[in-house]
Amino acid sequence: MKMTNQAKEYLQEAMKANDVSTLRFYGIAGCCGMNLGVALQEAETNDMVVEVNGVNIAIQPEMKEQLSDVTIDVEEENGEMGIVLTGYNENSCC
C-alpha cells in the first residue's frame, strides 16, 4: 500500500478535525463476499496497523490481500474532496 503526499495532508487534517488517529479499512459482508469499507475510526482488536507515508492505517486481516497494490490518493468531485484507491479492484458479481 502506498499514499500520495496530497492524500497524507488531506487525511491528517480530517483525522485531526475528527479526533481520530487511524484510517481503517474493513470488510462488509455482501452478496458475493466481502466488500471494502473505509472510515476514520480507531483500530479494532484484530486489525493490523501499519504506517503509510506517516499515517496510521488499520486493516481488518480479511481485507489485507485486496489492499496490497493500492495507492491512497485524493480527488475533487462536485466541489468535495475525498479519498480514492488507485489500483483497487472490487470483487463484484452482482
N, C-alpha and C. Protein backbone atom coordinates (compact mmCIF):
# COMPACT_ATOMS: atom_id res chain seq x y z
N MET A 1 0.84 -1.18 0.00
CA MET A 1 0.00 0.00 0.00
C MET A 1 0.88 1.24 0.00
N LYS A 2 0.45 2.22 -0.78
CA LYS A 2 1.17 3.49 -0.86
C LYS A 2 0.17 4.62 -0.63
N MET A 3 0.70 5.84 -0.43
CA MET A 3 -0.16 7.01 -0.25
C MET A 3 0.54 8.23 -0.83
N THR A 4 -0.20 9.02 -1.59
CA THR A 4 0.37 10.25 -2.13
C THR A 4 0.50 11.28 -1.02
N ASN A 5 1.35 12.26 -1.23
CA ASN A 5 1.51 13.34 -0.25
C ASN A 5 0.23 14.16 -0.11
N GLN A 6 -0.53 14.32 -1.20
CA GLN A 6 -1.79 15.06 -1.14
C GLN A 6 -2.79 14.31 -0.25
N ALA A 7 -2.83 12.98 -0.36
CA ALA A 7 -3.72 12.19 0.47
C ALA A 7 -3.28 12.26 1.93
N LYS A 8 -1.98 12.25 2.16
CA LYS A 8 -1.46 12.35 3.52
C LYS A 8 -1.94 13.64 4.18
N GLU A 9 -1.79 14.76 3.49
CA GLU A 9 -2.21 16.06 4.03
C GLU A 9 -3.71 16.08 4.29
N TYR A 10 -4.49 15.60 3.34
CA TYR A 10 -5.95 15.57 3.48
C TYR A 10 -6.36 14.72 4.67
N LEU A 11 -5.79 13.52 4.79
CA LEU A 11 -6.17 12.62 5.87
C LEU A 11 -5.72 13.14 7.23
N GLN A 12 -4.52 13.73 7.30
CA GLN A 12 -4.07 14.27 8.58
C GLN A 12 -4.99 15.37 9.07
N GLU A 13 -5.46 16.23 8.17
CA GLU A 13 -6.39 17.28 8.55
C GLU A 13 -7.73 16.69 9.00
N ALA A 14 -8.23 15.71 8.25
CA ALA A 14 -9.52 15.08 8.58
C ALA A 14 -9.42 14.33 9.91
N MET A 15 -8.31 13.66 10.15
CA MET A 15 -8.13 12.93 11.40
C MET A 15 -8.08 13.89 12.58
N LYS A 16 -7.38 14.99 12.41
CA LYS A 16 -7.30 15.99 13.48
C LYS A 16 -8.68 16.57 13.77
N ALA A 17 -9.43 16.91 12.72
CA ALA A 17 -10.76 17.50 12.88
C ALA A 17 -11.73 16.53 13.55
N ASN A 18 -11.53 15.23 13.36
CA ASN A 18 -12.43 14.21 13.92
C ASN A 18 -11.86 13.53 15.15
N ASP A 19 -10.70 14.01 15.62
CA ASP A 19 -10.05 13.47 16.81
C ASP A 19 -9.88 11.95 16.72
N VAL A 20 -9.35 11.50 15.59
CA VAL A 20 -9.11 10.09 15.32
C VAL A 20 -7.67 9.95 14.84
N SER A 21 -7.03 8.85 15.21
CA SER A 21 -5.62 8.68 14.83
C SER A 21 -5.40 7.63 13.76
N THR A 22 -6.49 7.06 13.22
CA THR A 22 -6.35 5.95 12.28
C THR A 22 -7.37 6.01 11.15
N LEU A 23 -6.93 5.67 9.95
CA LEU A 23 -7.84 5.41 8.83
C LEU A 23 -8.02 3.89 8.81
N ARG A 24 -9.25 3.42 8.82
CA ARG A 24 -9.49 1.98 8.94
C ARG A 24 -10.18 1.43 7.70
N PHE A 25 -9.64 0.31 7.21
CA PHE A 25 -10.23 -0.46 6.12
C PHE A 25 -10.79 -1.75 6.71
N TYR A 26 -12.03 -2.06 6.39
CA TYR A 26 -12.69 -3.22 6.97
C TYR A 26 -13.63 -3.85 5.95
N GLY A 27 -14.05 -5.07 6.21
CA GLY A 27 -14.94 -5.78 5.31
C GLY A 27 -16.39 -5.65 5.73
N ILE A 28 -17.25 -5.57 4.71
CA ILE A 28 -18.69 -5.56 4.90
C ILE A 28 -19.24 -6.74 4.11
N ALA A 29 -19.94 -7.63 4.77
CA ALA A 29 -20.49 -8.80 4.08
C ALA A 29 -21.45 -8.37 2.99
N GLY A 30 -21.26 -8.94 1.80
CA GLY A 30 -22.14 -8.63 0.67
C GLY A 30 -22.59 -9.91 -0.01
N CYS A 31 -23.30 -9.78 -1.10
CA CYS A 31 -23.85 -10.95 -1.79
C CYS A 31 -22.76 -11.83 -2.40
N CYS A 32 -21.60 -11.26 -2.65
CA CYS A 32 -20.52 -12.01 -3.31
C CYS A 32 -19.26 -12.06 -2.48
N GLY A 33 -19.38 -11.96 -1.20
CA GLY A 33 -18.20 -11.96 -0.34
C GLY A 33 -18.08 -10.63 0.38
N MET A 34 -16.84 -10.28 0.71
CA MET A 34 -16.58 -9.07 1.49
C MET A 34 -16.40 -7.86 0.57
N ASN A 35 -17.11 -6.78 0.90
CA ASN A 35 -16.93 -5.50 0.24
C ASN A 35 -16.09 -4.63 1.16
N LEU A 36 -15.39 -3.67 0.58
CA LEU A 36 -14.49 -2.81 1.34
C LEU A 36 -15.21 -1.63 1.95
N GLY A 37 -14.99 -1.42 3.25
CA GLY A 37 -15.47 -0.25 3.95
C GLY A 37 -14.27 0.57 4.41
N VAL A 38 -14.43 1.89 4.45
CA VAL A 38 -13.35 2.79 4.86
C VAL A 38 -13.94 3.81 5.82
N ALA A 39 -13.21 4.07 6.92
CA ALA A 39 -13.70 5.04 7.90
C ALA A 39 -12.55 5.67 8.66
N LEU A 40 -12.75 6.89 9.12
CA LEU A 40 -11.84 7.49 10.10
C LEU A 40 -12.28 6.90 11.43
N GLN A 41 -11.57 5.88 11.85
CA GLN A 41 -12.00 5.10 13.01
C GLN A 41 -10.78 4.44 13.64
N GLU A 42 -10.78 4.34 14.95
CA GLU A 42 -9.67 3.68 15.64
C GLU A 42 -9.63 2.20 15.27
N ALA A 43 -8.43 1.62 15.35
CA ALA A 43 -8.24 0.20 15.05
C ALA A 43 -9.04 -0.66 16.02
N GLU A 44 -9.52 -1.78 15.52
CA GLU A 44 -10.17 -2.75 16.37
C GLU A 44 -9.16 -3.82 16.77
N THR A 45 -9.54 -4.67 17.70
CA THR A 45 -8.62 -5.61 18.34
C THR A 45 -7.80 -6.44 17.36
N ASN A 46 -8.39 -7.01 16.34
CA ASN A 46 -7.67 -7.91 15.44
C ASN A 46 -7.06 -7.22 14.23
N ASP A 47 -7.24 -5.92 14.09
CA ASP A 47 -6.71 -5.19 12.94
C ASP A 47 -5.19 -5.17 12.94
N MET A 48 -4.63 -5.16 11.73
CA MET A 48 -3.21 -4.90 11.55
C MET A 48 -3.08 -3.39 11.44
N VAL A 49 -2.10 -2.81 12.11
CA VAL A 49 -1.89 -1.37 11.99
C VAL A 49 -0.52 -1.15 11.36
N VAL A 50 -0.52 -0.42 10.24
CA VAL A 50 0.71 -0.11 9.53
C VAL A 50 0.79 1.40 9.34
N GLU A 51 2.00 1.90 9.18
CA GLU A 51 2.18 3.31 8.89
C GLU A 51 2.51 3.45 7.42
N VAL A 52 1.72 4.26 6.72
CA VAL A 52 1.92 4.50 5.30
C VAL A 52 2.09 6.00 5.12
N ASN A 53 3.25 6.43 4.69
CA ASN A 53 3.56 7.84 4.47
C ASN A 53 3.23 8.69 5.70
N GLY A 54 3.48 8.14 6.89
CA GLY A 54 3.27 8.89 8.12
C GLY A 54 1.86 8.85 8.68
N VAL A 55 0.97 8.06 8.06
CA VAL A 55 -0.42 7.95 8.51
C VAL A 55 -0.67 6.52 9.00
N ASN A 56 -1.28 6.38 10.18
CA ASN A 56 -1.63 5.06 10.70
C ASN A 56 -2.84 4.51 9.96
N ILE A 57 -2.68 3.31 9.44
CA ILE A 57 -3.74 2.63 8.70
C ILE A 57 -4.04 1.32 9.42
N ALA A 58 -5.31 1.11 9.77
CA ALA A 58 -5.76 -0.15 10.37
C ALA A 58 -6.45 -0.96 9.27
N ILE A 59 -6.09 -2.24 9.19
CA ILE A 59 -6.65 -3.10 8.15
C ILE A 59 -7.19 -4.36 8.80
N GLN A 60 -8.46 -4.62 8.58
CA GLN A 60 -9.03 -5.89 9.03
C GLN A 60 -8.30 -6.99 8.25
N PRO A 61 -7.80 -8.02 8.91
CA PRO A 61 -6.98 -9.03 8.25
C PRO A 61 -7.58 -9.62 6.97
N GLU A 62 -8.88 -9.79 6.91
CA GLU A 62 -9.53 -10.36 5.73
C GLU A 62 -9.41 -9.45 4.51
N MET A 63 -9.10 -8.18 4.71
CA MET A 63 -9.03 -7.22 3.60
C MET A 63 -7.60 -6.96 3.13
N LYS A 64 -6.62 -7.50 3.82
CA LYS A 64 -5.22 -7.22 3.52
C LYS A 64 -4.86 -7.52 2.06
N GLU A 65 -5.25 -8.66 1.57
CA GLU A 65 -4.89 -9.06 0.20
C GLU A 65 -5.43 -8.08 -0.84
N GLN A 66 -6.67 -7.60 -0.66
CA GLN A 66 -7.28 -6.68 -1.62
C GLN A 66 -6.58 -5.32 -1.67
N LEU A 67 -5.86 -4.97 -0.60
CA LEU A 67 -5.26 -3.64 -0.50
C LEU A 67 -3.76 -3.62 -0.78
N SER A 68 -3.17 -4.75 -1.09
CA SER A 68 -1.71 -4.82 -1.20
C SER A 68 -1.13 -3.92 -2.29
N ASP A 69 -1.81 -3.76 -3.42
CA ASP A 69 -1.29 -2.96 -4.53
C ASP A 69 -2.00 -1.63 -4.71
N VAL A 70 -2.64 -1.14 -3.66
CA VAL A 70 -3.45 0.07 -3.72
C VAL A 70 -2.62 1.31 -3.37
N THR A 71 -2.91 2.41 -4.05
CA THR A 71 -2.37 3.72 -3.69
C THR A 71 -3.52 4.60 -3.24
N ILE A 72 -3.41 5.14 -2.02
CA ILE A 72 -4.42 6.05 -1.50
C ILE A 72 -4.13 7.44 -2.05
N ASP A 73 -5.12 8.05 -2.67
CA ASP A 73 -4.97 9.38 -3.26
C ASP A 73 -6.22 10.18 -2.94
N VAL A 74 -6.26 11.43 -3.35
CA VAL A 74 -7.45 12.26 -3.19
C VAL A 74 -7.84 12.84 -4.54
N GLU A 75 -9.13 13.12 -4.66
CA GLU A 75 -9.60 13.82 -5.85
C GLU A 75 -10.82 14.64 -5.46
N GLU A 76 -11.08 15.63 -6.28
CA GLU A 76 -12.23 16.50 -6.06
C GLU A 76 -13.34 16.11 -7.01
N GLU A 77 -14.55 16.00 -6.45
CA GLU A 77 -15.72 15.70 -7.26
C GLU A 77 -16.87 16.55 -6.75
N ASN A 78 -17.46 17.32 -7.63
CA ASN A 78 -18.57 18.22 -7.28
C ASN A 78 -18.20 19.15 -6.12
N GLY A 79 -16.97 19.63 -6.12
CA GLY A 79 -16.52 20.56 -5.10
C GLY A 79 -16.15 19.93 -3.78
N GLU A 80 -16.22 18.62 -3.67
CA GLU A 80 -15.89 17.91 -2.43
C GLU A 80 -14.63 17.07 -2.64
N MET A 81 -13.73 17.12 -1.66
CA MET A 81 -12.55 16.28 -1.70
C MET A 81 -12.85 14.94 -1.04
N GLY A 82 -12.22 13.90 -1.54
CA GLY A 82 -12.40 12.57 -0.95
C GLY A 82 -11.26 11.67 -1.36
N ILE A 83 -11.10 10.57 -0.63
CA ILE A 83 -10.02 9.66 -0.98
C ILE A 83 -10.48 8.71 -2.08
N VAL A 84 -9.51 8.30 -2.87
CA VAL A 84 -9.72 7.29 -3.91
C VAL A 84 -8.63 6.24 -3.75
N LEU A 85 -8.93 5.04 -4.14
CA LEU A 85 -7.99 3.93 -4.05
C LEU A 85 -7.60 3.50 -5.45
N THR A 86 -6.47 4.00 -5.93
CA THR A 86 -5.98 3.65 -7.25
C THR A 86 -5.44 2.23 -7.19
N GLY A 87 -5.87 1.40 -8.12
CA GLY A 87 -5.42 0.03 -8.16
C GLY A 87 -6.31 -0.94 -7.42
N TYR A 88 -7.39 -0.45 -6.83
CA TYR A 88 -8.31 -1.33 -6.10
C TYR A 88 -9.28 -1.96 -7.08
N ASN A 89 -9.39 -3.26 -7.03
CA ASN A 89 -10.34 -3.98 -7.89
C ASN A 89 -11.39 -4.63 -7.01
N GLU A 90 -12.62 -4.15 -7.17
CA GLU A 90 -13.73 -4.70 -6.39
C GLU A 90 -13.98 -6.14 -6.78
N ASN A 91 -14.36 -6.93 -5.81
CA ASN A 91 -14.82 -8.29 -6.06
C ASN A 91 -16.32 -8.23 -6.18
N SER A 92 -16.81 -7.96 -7.37
CA SER A 92 -18.25 -7.78 -7.54
C SER A 92 -18.79 -8.83 -8.50
N CYS A 93 -19.87 -9.45 -8.12
CA CYS A 93 -20.54 -10.40 -9.02
C CYS A 93 -22.02 -10.09 -9.17
N CYS A 94 -22.48 -9.03 -8.52
CA CYS A 94 -23.91 -8.70 -8.54
C CYS A 94 -24.28 -7.92 -9.78
